[in-house]
Amino acid sequence: MAAWKQSELKRIKELEEENARLKKMYANLAMELDTAKYVIEKKALKPCDKRMIIVDMRKERPKDISKACRLLKLSRSSLCYTSIKDDVTVMVQLENLAKQNPVEGFWKCYYRIRNTGRLLTIRGCTGCIKRWACPCAVR
């Protein structure tokens, strides 16, 4: 090494730095490819499915969450989002109406809840019925 010139030593040092940078870049790309393979195995169309995939990945690869979000096209802020719908009160009202009037179907119960002044959509109400076993069936 003593026989080498200053310019040669400087060039070797630059090459070592570039080599370290390229190794780091390769490691990141390899990790991203591994994450992509894991994500592609499980097809997710809805955000809730994407969240489940990311939760699974969090157990195996805790550092790959941002890359998984980028691959699944899901923002990290929506990863922590929780719905604030309060379906429990609607379900309790539907169950009470179904117990009071067992002959009546879903639509009468639905309109009775609407007539009390609660803003309720058909979609939200049928979602409640699908999640919980409600006595009043949609016909």
Protein backbone atom coordinates (compact mmCIF):
# COMPACT_ATOMS: atom_id res chain seq x y z
CA MET A 1 0.00 0.00 0.00
CA ALA A 2 2.89 2.32 0.61
CA ALA A 3 3.89 2.04 -3.03
CA TRP A 4 0.46 3.23 -4.24
CA LYS A 5 -0.03 6.81 -5.19
CA GLN A 6 -2.43 9.12 -3.42
CA SER A 7 -4.75 9.24 -6.45
CA GLU A 8 -4.94 5.43 -6.57
CA LEU A 9 -5.87 5.26 -2.87
CA LYS A 10 -8.52 7.90 -3.38
CA ARG A 11 -9.93 5.99 -6.36
CA ILE A 12 -10.04 2.73 -4.35
CA LYS A 13 -11.85 4.50 -1.50
CA GLU A 14 -14.42 5.91 -3.95
CA LEU A 15 -14.94 2.45 -5.45
CA GLU A 16 -15.48 0.95 -1.99
CA GLU A 17 -18.06 3.63 -1.18
CA GLU A 18 -19.84 3.01 -4.47
CA ASN A 19 -19.75 -0.74 -3.85
CA ALA A 20 -21.31 -0.27 -0.39
CA ARG A 21 -24.01 1.97 -1.87
CA LEU A 22 -24.80 -0.57 -4.60
CA LYS A 23 -24.95 -3.41 -2.06
CA LYS A 24 -27.41 -1.41 0.02
CA MET A 25 -29.51 -0.65 -3.06
CA TYR A 26 -29.50 -4.33 -4.06
CA ALA A 27 -30.57 -5.38 -0.55
CA ASN A 28 -33.48 -2.92 -0.67
CA LEU A 29 -34.57 -4.15 -4.11
CA ALA A 30 -34.30 -7.79 -3.05
CA MET A 31 -36.40 -7.07 0.04
CA GLU A 32 -38.96 -5.22 -2.08
CA LEU A 33 -39.10 -8.12 -4.55
CA ASP A 34 -39.62 -10.58 -1.70
CA THR A 35 -42.39 -8.38 -0.33
CA ALA A 36 -43.97 -8.12 -3.78
CA LYS A 37 -43.97 -11.91 -4.17
CA TYR A 38 -45.65 -12.28 -0.78
CA VAL A 39 -48.27 -9.65 -1.64
CA ILE A 40 -48.99 -11.02 -5.11
CA GLU A 41 -49.68 -14.49 -3.69
CA LYS A 42 -52.75 -13.09 -1.95
CA LYS A 43 -55.03 -11.11 -4.21
CA ALA A 44 -56.62 -8.19 -2.38
CA LEU A 45 -59.17 -5.88 -3.89
CA LYS A 46 -60.73 -4.21 -0.87
CA PRO A 47 -58.87 -2.06 1.65
CA CYS A 48 -59.89 -4.40 4.47
CA ASP A 49 -58.25 -7.32 2.62
CA LYS A 50 -55.15 -5.22 2.03
CA ARG A 51 -55.01 -4.38 5.74
CA MET A 52 -55.17 -8.07 6.63
CA ILE A 53 -52.26 -8.83 4.28
CA ILE A 54 -50.21 -6.04 5.81
CA VAL A 55 -51.04 -7.25 9.34
CA ASP A 56 -49.81 -10.72 8.34
CA MET A 57 -46.66 -9.19 6.90
CA ARG A 58 -46.09 -7.18 10.05
CA LYS A 59 -45.66 -10.44 11.98
CA GLU A 60 -43.10 -11.86 9.54
CA ARG A 61 -41.37 -8.76 8.19
CA PRO A 62 -41.83 -5.75 10.49
CA LYS A 63 -39.66 -3.42 8.38
CA ASP A 64 -41.52 -3.99 5.11
CA ILE A 65 -44.79 -2.26 6.02
CA SER A 66 -44.23 0.92 4.02
CA LYS A 67 -43.11 -1.11 1.00
CA ALA A 68 -46.16 -3.35 1.28
CA CYS A 69 -48.40 -0.29 1.47
CA ARG A 70 -46.74 1.09 -1.64
CA LEU A 71 -47.12 -2.21 -3.51
CA LEU A 72 -50.77 -2.59 -2.49
CA LYS A 73 -51.43 1.08 -3.26
CA LEU A 74 -52.77 1.68 0.25
CA SER A 75 -51.76 4.77 2.17
CA ARG A 76 -50.22 4.23 5.58
CA SER A 77 -52.80 6.54 7.16
CA SER A 78 -55.64 4.36 5.89
CA LEU A 79 -53.88 1.35 7.37
CA CYS A 80 -54.76 2.57 10.86
CA TYR A 81 -58.28 3.73 9.94
CA THR A 82 -61.17 2.29 11.91
CA SER A 83 -64.79 2.76 10.96
CA ILE A 84 -66.90 4.79 13.38
CA LYS A 85 -70.26 3.36 12.39
CA ASP A 86 -72.50 2.49 15.30
CA ASP A 87 -74.45 -0.50 14.02
CA VAL A 88 -75.10 -1.90 17.48
CA THR A 89 -77.93 0.53 18.23
CA VAL A 90 -79.61 -0.22 14.89
CA MET A 91 -79.29 -3.93 15.52
CA VAL A 92 -80.78 -3.63 19.01
CA GLN A 93 -83.70 -1.63 17.62
CA LEU A 94 -84.29 -4.21 14.88
CA GLU A 95 -84.18 -7.07 17.37
CA ASN A 96 -86.60 -5.33 19.73
CA LEU A 97 -89.03 -4.61 16.91
CA ALA A 98 -88.75 -8.19 15.67
CA LYS A 99 -89.52 -9.51 19.16
CA GLN A 100 -92.47 -7.15 19.65
CA ASN A 101 -93.94 -7.87 16.22
CA PRO A 102 -92.74 -11.32 15.10
CA VAL A 103 -95.14 -11.43 12.14
CA GLU A 104 -93.80 -8.27 10.53
CA GLY A 105 -90.88 -8.45 8.14
CA PHE A 106 -87.78 -6.38 7.69
CA TRP A 107 -89.33 -3.54 5.73
CA LYS A 108 -91.89 -2.67 8.41
CA CYS A 109 -89.17 -2.73 11.06
CA TYR A 110 -86.96 -0.59 8.84
CA TYR A 111 -89.65 2.05 8.29
CA ARG A 112 -90.54 2.09 11.99
CA ILE A 113 -86.93 2.92 12.80
CA ARG A 114 -86.93 5.59 10.09
CA ASN A 115 -90.15 7.08 11.49
CA THR A 116 -88.49 7.55 14.89
CA GLY A 117 -86.23 10.09 13.21
CA ARG A 118 -83.07 8.04 12.83
CA LEU A 119 -81.34 8.52 9.49
CA LEU A 120 -80.79 5.02 8.22
CA THR A 121 -80.04 3.64 4.79
CA ILE A 122 -81.09 0.29 3.40
CA ARG A 123 -77.47 -0.59 2.78
CA GLY A 124 -76.45 0.01 6.37
CA CYS A 125 -79.40 -1.89 7.71
CA THR A 126 -78.94 -4.96 5.52
CA GLY A 127 -75.26 -4.96 6.45
CA CYS A 128 -76.27 -5.21 10.10
CA ILE A 129 -78.57 -8.11 9.35
CA LYS A 130 -75.87 -9.98 7.45
CA ARG A 131 -73.34 -9.56 10.26
CA TRP A 132 -75.68 -10.56 13.07
CA ALA A 133 -78.45 -13.13 12.89
CA CYS A 134 -81.52 -10.91 13.08
CA PRO A 135 -84.98 -12.48 13.38
CA CYS A 136 -86.49 -10.18 10.74
CA ALA A 137 -85.39 -11.44 7.36
CA VAL A 138 -85.08 -9.35 4.21
CA ARG A 139 -87.56 -10.63 1.63
